[in-house]
Amino acid sequence: MATINQHFKVSRTPRTSSKNKHDAVPQAVAPITTTDQAVDDHAAQQVLLDFDMCSKYGPMSGMTRMQRWERAAAAGLDPPVMVQHLLLEKGLDSVHNQPTLMKGK
């Protein structure tokens, strides 16, 4: 009966010493840099998106975020104060306070 070594050529590669393998210095990886402004903008967008997606504060079609926030506050629904703060901070004319895309539907 034939052995497996008779059917396949055995090739050996020279081994490197294990000492050299572990002594290799890893290359430095460039750190991911984000500015505080970018992180703040992302967090602000997430807060506003969460407000948009929460049906607790009523429908949002055809109105700005501030109008929706004010309506929810007047109805006693306790909308997040952070949303009002962000909208006033960014400015009522900013893209953060534009009517939703669902306008007219």
PDB file of N, CA and C in Angstrom:
ATOM      1  N   MET A   1       0.829  -1.165   0.000  1.00  0.00           N
ATOM      2  CA  MET A   1       0.000   0.000   0.000  1.00  0.00           C
ATOM      3  C   MET A   1       0.884   1.242   0.000  1.00  0.00           C
ATOM      4  N   ALA A   2       0.451   2.247  -0.764  1.00  0.00           N
ATOM      5  CA  ALA A   2       1.235   3.477  -0.914  1.00  0.00           C
ATOM      6  C   ALA A   2       0.943   4.423   0.245  1.00  0.00           C
ATOM      7  N   THR A   3       1.968   5.141   0.618  1.00  0.00           N
ATOM      8  CA  THR A   3       1.779   6.150   1.665  1.00  0.00           C
ATOM      9  C   THR A   3       1.501   7.504   1.019  1.00  0.00           C
ATOM     10  N   ILE A   4       1.005   8.394   1.783  1.00  0.00           N
ATOM     11  CA  ILE A   4       0.650   9.720   1.255  1.00  0.00           C
ATOM     12  C   ILE A   4       1.872  10.469   0.749  1.00  0.00           C
ATOM     13  N   ASN A   5       3.012  10.250   1.377  1.00  0.00           N
ATOM     14  CA  ASN A   5       4.232  10.931   0.960  1.00  0.00           C
ATOM     15  C   ASN A   5       4.696  10.485  -0.418  1.00  0.00           C
ATOM     16  N   GLN A   6       4.282   9.330  -0.847  1.00  0.00           N
ATOM     17  CA  GLN A   6       4.666   8.863  -2.181  1.00  0.00           C
ATOM     18  C   GLN A   6       3.873   9.594  -3.263  1.00  0.00           C
ATOM     19  N   HIS A   7       2.690  10.104  -2.953  1.00  0.00           N
ATOM     20  CA  HIS A   7       1.856  10.787  -3.936  1.00  0.00           C
ATOM     21  C   HIS A   7       2.072  12.294  -3.979  1.00  0.00           C
ATOM     22  N   PHE A   8       2.523  12.834  -2.884  1.00  0.00           N
ATOM     23  CA  PHE A   8       2.724  14.281  -2.820  1.00  0.00           C
ATOM     24  C   PHE A   8       4.166  14.576  -2.489  1.00  0.00           C
ATOM     25  N   LYS A   9       4.711  15.522  -3.223  1.00  0.00           N
ATOM     26  CA  LYS A   9       6.097  15.914  -2.991  1.00  0.00           C
ATOM     27  C   LYS A   9       6.180  16.664  -1.667  1.00  0.00           C
ATOM     28  N   VAL A  10       7.116  16.291  -0.847  1.00  0.00           N
ATOM     29  CA  VAL A  10       7.308  16.945   0.439  1.00  0.00           C
ATOM     30  C   VAL A  10       8.306  18.069   0.226  1.00  0.00           C
ATOM     31  N   SER A  11       7.889  19.263   0.553  1.00  0.00           N
ATOM     32  CA  SER A  11       8.814  20.390   0.444  1.00  0.00           C
ATOM     33  C   SER A  11       8.878  21.066   1.804  1.00  0.00           C
ATOM     34  N   ARG A  12      10.072  21.354   2.166  1.00  0.00           N
ATOM     35  CA  ARG A  12      10.266  21.978   3.469  1.00  0.00           C
ATOM     36  C   ARG A  12      10.853  23.368   3.265  1.00  0.00           C
ATOM     37  N   THR A  13      10.276  24.298   4.002  1.00  0.00           N
ATOM     38  CA  THR A  13      10.820  25.655   3.951  1.00  0.00           C
ATOM     39  C   THR A  13      11.683  25.853   5.175  1.00  0.00           C
ATOM     40  N   PRO A  14      12.736  26.581   5.007  1.00  0.00           N
ATOM     41  CA  PRO A  14      13.591  26.794   6.169  1.00  0.00           C
ATOM     42  C   PRO A  14      12.842  27.597   7.234  1.00  0.00           C
ATOM     43  N   ARG A  15      12.988  27.157   8.439  1.00  0.00           N
ATOM     44  CA  ARG A  15      12.332  27.840   9.545  1.00  0.00           C
ATOM     45  C   ARG A  15      13.179  28.993  10.029  1.00  0.00           C
ATOM     46  N   THR A  16      12.475  30.045  10.390  1.00  0.00           N
ATOM     47  CA  THR A  16      13.180  31.141  11.048  1.00  0.00           C
ATOM     48  C   THR A  16      13.097  30.884  12.528  1.00  0.00           C
ATOM     49  N   SER A  17      14.058  31.347  13.214  1.00  0.00           N
ATOM     50  CA  SER A  17      14.043  31.093  14.650  1.00  0.00           C
ATOM     51  C   SER A  17      12.867  31.834  15.278  1.00  0.00           C
ATOM     52  N   SER A  18      12.261  31.224  16.253  1.00  0.00           N
ATOM     53  CA  SER A  18      11.101  31.827  16.902  1.00  0.00           C
ATOM     54  C   SER A  18      11.483  33.107  17.629  1.00  0.00           C
ATOM     55  N   LYS A  19      12.752  33.222  17.965  1.00  0.00           N
ATOM     56  CA  LYS A  19      13.208  34.423  18.653  1.00  0.00           C
ATOM     57  C   LYS A  19      13.071  35.633  17.731  1.00  0.00           C
ATOM     58  N   ASN A  20      13.444  35.485  16.470  1.00  0.00           N
ATOM     59  CA  ASN A  20      13.340  36.599  15.527  1.00  0.00           C
ATOM     60  C   ASN A  20      11.883  36.952  15.242  1.00  0.00           C
ATOM     61  N   LYS A  21      11.051  35.964  15.206  1.00  0.00           N
ATOM     62  CA  LYS A  21       9.640  36.176  14.883  1.00  0.00           C
ATOM     63  C   LYS A  21       8.962  37.064  15.925  1.00  0.00           C
ATOM     64  N   HIS A  22       9.261  36.860  17.184  1.00  0.00           N
ATOM     65  CA  HIS A  22       8.612  37.605  18.247  1.00  0.00           C
ATOM     66  C   HIS A  22       9.325  38.906  18.565  1.00  0.00           C
ATOM     67  N   ASP A  23      10.545  39.061  18.109  1.00  0.00           N
ATOM     68  CA  ASP A  23      11.286  40.284  18.379  1.00  0.00           C
ATOM     69  C   ASP A  23      10.928  41.396  17.400  1.00  0.00           C
ATOM     70  N   ALA A  24      10.184  41.084  16.379  1.00  0.00           N
ATOM     71  CA  ALA A  24       9.849  42.098  15.385  1.00  0.00           C
ATOM     72  C   ALA A  24       9.033  43.204  16.047  1.00  0.00           C
ATOM     73  N   VAL A  25       9.393  44.427  15.700  1.00  0.00           N
ATOM     74  CA  VAL A  25       8.703  45.580  16.266  1.00  0.00           C
ATOM     75  C   VAL A  25       7.492  45.874  15.391  1.00  0.00           C
ATOM     76  N   PRO A  26       6.294  45.904  15.973  1.00  0.00           N
ATOM     77  CA  PRO A  26       5.115  46.193  15.161  1.00  0.00           C
ATOM     78  C   PRO A  26       5.160  47.624  14.655  1.00  0.00           C
ATOM     79  N   GLN A  27       4.643  47.798  13.454  1.00  0.00           N
ATOM     80  CA  GLN A  27       4.606  49.137  12.888  1.00  0.00           C
ATOM     81  C   GLN A  27       3.561  49.957  13.617  1.00  0.00           C
ATOM     82  N   ALA A  28       3.858  51.227  13.767  1.00  0.00           N
ATOM     83  CA  ALA A  28       2.925  52.115  14.450  1.00  0.00           C
ATOM     84  C   ALA A  28       1.708  52.348  13.565  1.00  0.00           C
ATOM     85  N   VAL A  29       0.565  52.286  14.182  1.00  0.00           N
ATOM     86  CA  VAL A  29      -0.678  52.539  13.472  1.00  0.00           C
ATOM     87  C   VAL A  29      -1.074  53.981  13.750  1.00  0.00           C
ATOM     88  N   ALA A  30      -1.397  54.694  12.693  1.00  0.00           N
ATOM     89  CA  ALA A  30      -1.785  56.087  12.861  1.00  0.00           C
ATOM     90  C   ALA A  30      -3.089  56.153  13.655  1.00  0.00           C
ATOM     91  N   PRO A  31      -3.118  56.944  14.695  1.00  0.00           N
ATOM     92  CA  PRO A  31      -4.343  57.039  15.490  1.00  0.00           C
ATOM     93  C   PRO A  31      -5.449  57.739  14.703  1.00  0.00           C
ATOM     94  N   ILE A  32      -6.658  57.324  14.971  1.00  0.00           N
ATOM     95  CA  ILE A  32      -7.794  57.973  14.338  1.00  0.00           C
ATOM     96  C   ILE A  32      -8.023  59.283  15.073  1.00  0.00           C
ATOM     97  N   THR A  33      -7.993  60.350  14.341  1.00  0.00           N
ATOM     98  CA  THR A  33      -8.172  61.646  14.978  1.00  0.00           C
ATOM     99  C   THR A  33      -9.520  62.212  14.601  1.00  0.00           C
ATOM    100  N   THR A  34     -10.256  62.597  15.593  1.00  0.00           N
ATOM    101  CA  THR A  34     -11.517  63.283  15.369  1.00  0.00           C
ATOM    102  C   THR A  34     -11.503  64.527  16.228  1.00  0.00           C
ATOM    103  N   THR A  35     -12.050  65.546  15.703  1.00  0.00           N
ATOM    104  CA  THR A  35     -12.095  66.773  16.483  1.00  0.00           C
ATOM    105  C   THR A  35     -13.284  66.712  17.418  1.00  0.00           C
ATOM    106  N   ASP A  36     -13.194  67.476  18.467  1.00  0.00           N
ATOM    107  CA  ASP A  36     -14.313  67.542  19.402  1.00  0.00           C
ATOM    108  C   ASP A  36     -15.557  68.062  18.698  1.00  0.00           C
ATOM    109  N   GLN A  37     -15.365  68.953  17.732  1.00  0.00           N
ATOM    110  CA  GLN A  37     -16.495  69.517  16.991  1.00  0.00           C
ATOM    111  C   GLN A  37     -17.218  68.426  16.208  1.00  0.00           C
ATOM    112  N   ALA A  38     -16.465  67.525  15.573  1.00  0.00           N
ATOM    113  CA  ALA A  38     -17.085  66.451  14.798  1.00  0.00           C
ATOM    114  C   ALA A  38     -17.859  65.510  15.708  1.00  0.00           C
ATOM    115  N   VAL A  39     -17.303  65.202  16.865  1.00  0.00           N
ATOM    116  CA  VAL A  39     -17.980  64.332  17.820  1.00  0.00           C
ATOM    117  C   VAL A  39     -19.243  65.015  18.330  1.00  0.00           C
ATOM    118  N   ASP A  40     -19.137  66.311  18.640  1.00  0.00           N
ATOM    119  CA  ASP A  40     -20.297  67.057  19.120  1.00  0.00           C
ATOM    120  C   ASP A  40     -21.392  67.120  18.064  1.00  0.00           C
ATOM    121  N   ASP A  41     -21.005  67.349  16.798  1.00  0.00           N
ATOM    122  CA  ASP A  41     -21.990  67.406  15.720  1.00  0.00           C
ATOM    123  C   ASP A  41     -22.691  66.064  15.547  1.00  0.00           C
ATOM    124  N   HIS A  42     -21.930  64.984  15.645  1.00  0.00           N
ATOM    125  CA  HIS A  42     -22.529  63.656  15.508  1.00  0.00           C
ATOM    126  C   HIS A  42     -23.504  63.390  16.651  1.00  0.00           C
ATOM    127  N   ALA A  43     -23.112  63.739  17.856  1.00  0.00           N
ATOM    128  CA  ALA A  43     -23.983  63.536  19.017  1.00  0.00           C
ATOM    129  C   ALA A  43     -25.245  64.388  18.897  1.00  0.00           C
ATOM    130  N   ALA A  44     -25.086  65.627  18.426  1.00  0.00           N
ATOM    131  CA  ALA A  44     -26.244  66.505  18.248  1.00  0.00           C
ATOM    132  C   ALA A  44     -27.186  65.935  17.194  1.00  0.00           C
ATOM    133  N   GLN A  45     -26.643  65.451  16.103  1.00  0.00           N
ATOM    134  CA  GLN A  45     -27.472  64.855  15.055  1.00  0.00           C
ATOM    135  C   GLN A  45     -28.219  63.640  15.584  1.00  0.00           C
ATOM    136  N   GLN A  46     -27.577  62.855  16.436  1.00  0.00           N
ATOM    137  CA  GLN A  46     -28.225  61.666  16.989  1.00  0.00           C
ATOM    138  C   GLN A  46     -29.378  62.054  17.914  1.00  0.00           C
ATOM    139  N   VAL A  47     -29.189  63.093  18.735  1.00  0.00           N
ATOM    140  CA  VAL A  47     -30.257  63.558  19.624  1.00  0.00           C
ATOM    141  C   VAL A  47     -31.444  64.042  18.802  1.00  0.00           C
ATOM    142  N   LEU A  48     -31.164  64.819  17.749  1.00  0.00           N
ATOM    143  CA  LEU A  48     -32.236  65.337  16.899  1.00  0.00           C
ATOM    144  C   LEU A  48     -32.943  64.208  16.145  1.00  0.00           C
ATOM    145  N   LEU A  49     -32.186  63.242  15.689  1.00  0.00           N
ATOM    146  CA  LEU A  49     -32.786  62.105  14.980  1.00  0.00           C
ATOM    147  C   LEU A  49     -33.677  61.289  15.917  1.00  0.00           C
ATOM    148  N   ASP A  50     -33.219  61.089  17.140  1.00  0.00           N
ATOM    149  CA  ASP A  50     -34.034  60.364  18.119  1.00  0.00           C
ATOM    150  C   ASP A  50     -35.349  61.097  18.369  1.00  0.00           C
ATOM    151  N   PHE A  51     -35.280  62.429  18.438  1.00  0.00           N
ATOM    152  CA  PHE A  51     -36.492  63.234  18.617  1.00  0.00           C
ATOM    153  C   PHE A  51     -37.412  63.072  17.408  1.00  0.00           C
ATOM    154  N   ASP A  52     -36.832  63.095  16.213  1.00  0.00           N
ATOM    155  CA  ASP A  52     -37.626  62.937  14.990  1.00  0.00           C
ATOM    156  C   ASP A  52     -38.348  61.593  14.954  1.00  0.00           C
ATOM    157  N   MET A  53     -37.673  60.552  15.377  1.00  0.00           N
ATOM    158  CA  MET A  53     -38.213  59.206  15.249  1.00  0.00           C
ATOM    159  C   MET A  53     -39.176  58.816  16.374  1.00  0.00           C
ATOM    160  N   CYS A  54     -39.263  59.622  17.407  1.00  0.00           N
ATOM    161  CA  CYS A  54     -40.125  59.290  18.535  1.00  0.00           C
ATOM    162  C   CYS A  54     -41.549  59.779  18.261  1.00  0.00           C
ATOM    163  N   SER A  55     -42.462  58.860  18.136  1.00  0.00           N
ATOM    164  CA  SER A  55     -43.851  59.215  17.836  1.00  0.00           C
ATOM    165  C   SER A  55     -44.571  59.789  19.050  1.00  0.00           C
ATOM    166  N   LYS A  56     -43.967  59.719  20.200  1.00  0.00           N
ATOM    167  CA  LYS A  56     -44.572  60.238  21.434  1.00  0.00           C
ATOM    168  C   LYS A  56     -44.895  61.727  21.315  1.00  0.00           C
ATOM    169  N   TYR A  57     -44.110  62.458  20.515  1.00  0.00           N
ATOM    170  CA  TYR A  57     -44.269  63.903  20.414  1.00  0.00           C
ATOM    171  C   TYR A  57     -45.165  64.329  19.257  1.00  0.00           C
ATOM    172  N   GLY A  58     -45.869  63.393  18.669  1.00  0.00           N
ATOM    173  CA  GLY A  58     -46.827  63.703  17.626  1.00  0.00           C
ATOM    174  C   GLY A  58     -46.218  63.679  16.239  1.00  0.00           C
ATOM    175  N   PRO A  59     -47.084  63.826  15.216  1.00  0.00           N
ATOM    176  CA  PRO A  59     -46.596  63.788  13.836  1.00  0.00           C
ATOM    177  C   PRO A  59     -45.682  64.977  13.539  1.00  0.00           C
ATOM    178  N   MET A  60     -44.826  64.779  12.558  1.00  0.00           N
ATOM    179  CA  MET A  60     -43.839  65.820  12.262  1.00  0.00           C
ATOM    180  C   MET A  60     -43.911  66.318  10.832  1.00  0.00           C
ATOM    181  N   SER A  61     -44.863  65.872  10.068  1.00  0.00           N
ATOM    182  CA  SER A  61     -44.878  66.242   8.651  1.00  0.00           C
ATOM    183  C   SER A  61     -45.210  67.719   8.482  1.00  0.00           C
ATOM    184  N   GLY A  62     -44.403  68.377   7.668  1.00  0.00           N
ATOM    185  CA  GLY A  62     -44.651  69.765   7.289  1.00  0.00           C
ATOM    186  C   GLY A  62     -44.304  70.800   8.330  1.00  0.00           C
ATOM    187  N   MET A  63     -43.592  70.457   9.371  1.00  0.00           N
ATOM    188  CA  MET A  63     -43.228  71.454  10.375  1.00  0.00           C
ATOM    189  C   MET A  63     -41.757  71.312  10.739  1.00  0.00           C
ATOM    190  N   THR A  64     -41.223  72.381  11.280  1.00  0.00           N
ATOM    191  CA  THR A  64     -39.827  72.348  11.698  1.00  0.00           C
ATOM    192  C   THR A  64     -39.721  71.612  13.026  1.00  0.00           C
ATOM    193  N   ARG A  65     -38.508  71.288  13.381  1.00  0.00           N
ATOM    194  CA  ARG A  65     -38.297  70.609  14.664  1.00  0.00           C
ATOM    195  C   ARG A  65     -38.729  71.505  15.825  1.00  0.00           C
ATOM    196  N   MET A  66     -38.424  72.802  15.717  1.00  0.00           N
ATOM    197  CA  MET A  66     -38.785  73.702  16.805  1.00  0.00           C
ATOM    198  C   MET A  66     -40.306  73.805  16.946  1.00  0.00           C
ATOM    199  N   GLN A  67     -41.014  73.864  15.828  1.00  0.00           N
ATOM    200  CA  GLN A  67     -42.478  73.899  15.890  1.00  0.00           C
ATOM    201  C   GLN A  67     -43.009  72.626  16.544  1.00  0.00           C
ATOM    202  N   ARG A  68     -42.430  71.504  16.201  1.00  0.00           N
ATOM    203  CA  ARG A  68     -42.859  70.225  16.786  1.00  0.00           C
ATOM    204  C   ARG A  68     -42.537  70.189  18.271  1.00  0.00           C
ATOM    205  N   TRP A  69     -41.346  70.688  18.639  1.00  0.00           N
ATOM    206  CA  TRP A  69     -40.961  70.716  20.041  1.00  0.00           C
ATOM    207  C   TRP A  69     -41.924  71.591  20.834  1.00  0.00           C
ATOM    208  N   GLU A  70     -42.232  72.782  20.307  1.00  0.00           N
ATOM    209  CA  GLU A  70     -43.137  73.707  21.000  1.00  0.00           C
ATOM    210  C   GLU A  70     -44.544  73.111  21.138  1.00  0.00           C
ATOM    211  N   ARG A  71     -45.022  72.452  20.095  1.00  0.00           N
ATOM    212  CA  ARG A  71     -46.339  71.816  20.158  1.00  0.00           C
ATOM    213  C   ARG A  71     -46.357  70.725  21.227  1.00  0.00           C
ATOM    214  N   ALA A  72     -45.294  69.916  21.272  1.00  0.00           N
ATOM    215  CA  ALA A  72     -45.216  68.848  22.269  1.00  0.00           C
ATOM    216  C   ALA A  72     -45.132  69.433  23.684  1.00  0.00           C
ATOM    217  N   ALA A  73     -44.403  70.527  23.858  1.00  0.00           N
ATOM    218  CA  ALA A  73     -44.295  71.164  25.169  1.00  0.00           C
ATOM    219  C   ALA A  73     -45.642  71.735  25.597  1.00  0.00           C
ATOM    220  N   ALA A  74     -46.351  72.350  24.661  1.00  0.00           N
ATOM    221  CA  ALA A  74     -47.663  72.924  24.978  1.00  0.00           C
ATOM    222  C   ALA A  74     -48.671  71.832  25.344  1.00  0.00           C
ATOM    223  N   ALA A  75     -48.507  70.654  24.769  1.00  0.00           N
ATOM    224  CA  ALA A  75     -49.406  69.541  25.057  1.00  0.00           C
ATOM    225  C   ALA A  75     -48.999  68.788  26.319  1.00  0.00           C
ATOM    226  N   GLY A  76     -47.910  69.212  26.961  1.00  0.00           N
ATOM    227  CA  GLY A  76     -47.461  68.569  28.189  1.00  0.00           C
ATOM    228  C   GLY A  76     -46.772  67.231  27.983  1.00  0.00           C
ATOM    229  N   LEU A  77     -46.152  67.038  26.818  1.00  0.00           N
ATOM    230  CA  LEU A  77     -45.518  65.756  26.508  1.00  0.00           C
ATOM    231  C   LEU A  77     -44.048  65.678  26.932  1.00  0.00           C
ATOM    232  N   ASP A  78     -43.543  66.710  27.549  1.00  0.00           N
ATOM    233  CA  ASP A  78     -42.153  66.771  28.035  1.00  0.00           C
ATOM    234  C   ASP A  78     -41.121  66.397  26.975  1.00  0.00           C
ATOM    235  N   PRO A  79     -41.040  67.180  25.894  1.00  0.00           N
ATOM    236  CA  PRO A  79     -39.996  66.895  24.909  1.00  0.00           C
ATOM    237  C   PRO A  79     -38.624  67.181  25.516  1.00  0.00           C
ATOM    238  N   PRO A  80     -37.588  66.552  25.012  1.00  0.00           N
ATOM    239  CA  PRO A  80     -36.248  66.742  25.589  1.00  0.00           C
ATOM    240  C   PRO A  80     -35.786  68.200  25.477  1.00  0.00           C
ATOM    241  N   VAL A  81     -35.367  68.750  26.614  1.00  0.00           N
ATOM    242  CA  VAL A  81     -34.888  70.132  26.639  1.00  0.00           C
ATOM    243  C   VAL A  81     -33.622  70.264  25.796  1.00  0.00           C
ATOM    244  N   MET A  82     -32.868  69.170  25.693  1.00  0.00           N
ATOM    245  CA  MET A  82     -31.641  69.187  24.891  1.00  0.00           C
ATOM    246  C   MET A  82     -31.955  69.526  23.435  1.00  0.00           C
ATOM    247  N   VAL A  83     -33.087  69.063  22.924  1.00  0.00           N
ATOM    248  CA  VAL A  83     -33.460  69.349  21.534  1.00  0.00           C
ATOM    249  C   VAL A  83     -33.664  70.846  21.372  1.00  0.00           C
ATOM    250  N   GLN A  84     -34.397  71.462  22.285  1.00  0.00           N
ATOM    251  CA  GLN A  84     -34.604  72.909  22.206  1.00  0.00           C
ATOM    252  C   GLN A  84     -33.272  73.642  22.309  1.00  0.00           C
ATOM    253  N   HIS A  85     -32.436  73.216  23.223  1.00  0.00           N
ATOM    254  CA  HIS A  85     -31.118  73.843  23.391  1.00  0.00           C
ATOM    255  C   HIS A  85     -30.300  73.749  22.105  1.00  0.00           C
ATOM    256  N   LEU A  86     -30.270  72.566  21.478  1.00  0.00           N
ATOM    257  CA  LEU A  86     -29.504  72.382  20.242  1.00  0.00           C
ATOM    258  C   LEU A  86     -30.054  73.253  19.117  1.00  0.00           C
ATOM    259  N   LEU A  87     -31.370  73.302  19.004  1.00  0.00           N
ATOM    260  CA  LEU A  87     -31.971  74.091  17.934  1.00  0.00           C
ATOM    261  C   LEU A  87     -31.694  75.577  18.110  1.00  0.00           C
ATOM    262  N   LEU A  88     -31.777  76.066  19.338  1.00  0.00           N
ATOM    263  CA  LEU A  88     -31.485  77.473  19.587  1.00  0.00           C
ATOM    264  C   LEU A  88     -29.995  77.766  19.405  1.00  0.00           C
ATOM    265  N   GLU A  89     -29.155  76.822  19.798  1.00  0.00           N
ATOM    266  CA  GLU A  89     -27.709  76.985  19.651  1.00  0.00           C
ATOM    267  C   GLU A  89     -27.289  77.009  18.182  1.00  0.00           C
ATOM    268  N   LYS A  90     -27.867  76.110  17.386  1.00  0.00           N
ATOM    269  CA  LYS A  90     -27.517  76.020  15.967  1.00  0.00           C
ATOM    270  C   LYS A  90     -28.175  77.139  15.156  1.00  0.00           C
ATOM    271  N   GLY A  91     -29.249  77.686  15.667  1.00  0.00           N
ATOM    272  CA  GLY A  91     -29.962  78.744  14.971  1.00  0.00           C
ATOM    273  C   GLY A  91     -31.217  78.202  14.319  1.00  0.00           C
ATOM    274  N   LEU A  92     -32.277  78.970  14.418  1.00  0.00           N
ATOM    275  CA  LEU A  92     -33.551  78.509  13.880  1.00  0.00           C
ATOM    276  C   LEU A  92     -33.555  78.464  12.359  1.00  0.00           C
ATOM    277  N   ASP A  93     -32.602  79.143  11.720  1.00  0.00           N
ATOM    278  CA  ASP A  93     -32.511  79.115  10.256  1.00  0.00           C
ATOM    279  C   ASP A  93     -31.559  78.044   9.749  1.00  0.00           C
ATOM    280  N   SER A  94     -30.984  77.266  10.653  1.00  0.00           N
ATOM    281  CA  SER A  94     -29.998  76.257  10.243  1.00  0.00           C
ATOM    282  C   SER A  94     -30.683  75.042   9.632  1.00  0.00           C
ATOM    283  N   VAL A  95     -29.880  74.184   9.039  1.00  0.00           N
ATOM    284  CA  VAL A  95     -30.396  72.952   8.443  1.00  0.00           C
ATOM    285  C   VAL A  95     -30.955  72.012   9.510  1.00  0.00           C
ATOM    286  N   HIS A  96     -30.572  72.223  10.762  1.00  0.00           N
ATOM    287  CA  HIS A  96     -31.059  71.375  11.851  1.00  0.00           C
ATOM    288  C   HIS A  96     -32.530  71.608  12.155  1.00  0.00           C
ATOM    289  N   ASN A  97     -33.085  72.723  11.661  1.00  0.00           N
ATOM    290  CA  ASN A  97     -34.460  73.063  12.003  1.00  0.00           C
ATOM    291  C   ASN A  97     -35.347  73.147  10.763  1.00  0.00           C
ATOM    292  N   GLN A  98     -34.923  72.571   9.666  1.00  0.00           N
ATOM    293  CA  GLN A  98     -35.713  72.618   8.435  1.00  0.00           C
ATOM    294  C   GLN A  98     -36.912  71.696   8.518  1.00  0.00           C
ATOM    295  N   PRO A  99     -37.972  71.999   7.745  1.00  0.00           N
ATOM    296  CA  PRO A  99     -39.110  71.072   7.713  1.00  0.00           C
ATOM    297  C   PRO A  99     -38.662  69.691   7.239  1.00  0.00           C
ATOM    298  N   THR A 100     -39.370  68.702   7.677  1.00  0.00           N
ATOM    299  CA  THR A 100     -38.990  67.335   7.344  1.00  0.00           C
ATOM    300  C   THR A 100     -39.240  67.037   5.870  1.00  0.00           C
ATOM    301  N   LEU A 101     -38.655  65.962   5.395  1.00  0.00           N
ATOM    302  CA  LEU A 101     -38.831  65.551   4.009  1.00  0.00           C
ATOM    303  C   LEU A 101     -40.242  65.045   3.740  1.00  0.00           C
ATOM    304  N   MET A 102     -40.976  64.769   4.789  1.00  0.00           N
ATOM    305  CA  MET A 102     -42.307  64.217   4.627  1.00  0.00           C
ATOM    306  C   MET A 102     -43.352  65.316   4.432  1.00  0.00           C
ATOM    307  N   LYS A 103     -42.912  66.527   4.131  1.00  0.00           N
ATOM    308  CA  LYS A 103     -43.801  67.662   3.961  1.00  0.00           C
ATOM    309  C   LYS A 103     -44.830  67.363   2.864  1.00  0.00           C
ATOM    310  N   GLY A 104     -46.056  67.624   3.160  1.00  0.00           N
ATOM    311  CA  GLY A 104     -47.110  67.452   2.173  1.00  0.00           C
ATOM    312  C   GLY A 104     -47.660  66.056   2.089  1.00  0.00           C
ATOM    313  N   LYS A 105     -47.199  65.136   2.912  1.00  0.00           N
ATOM    314  CA  LYS A 105     -47.705  63.751   2.848  1.00  0.00           C
ATOM    315  C   LYS A 105     -48.625  63.486   3.993  1.00  0.00           C
TER     316      LYS A 105
END
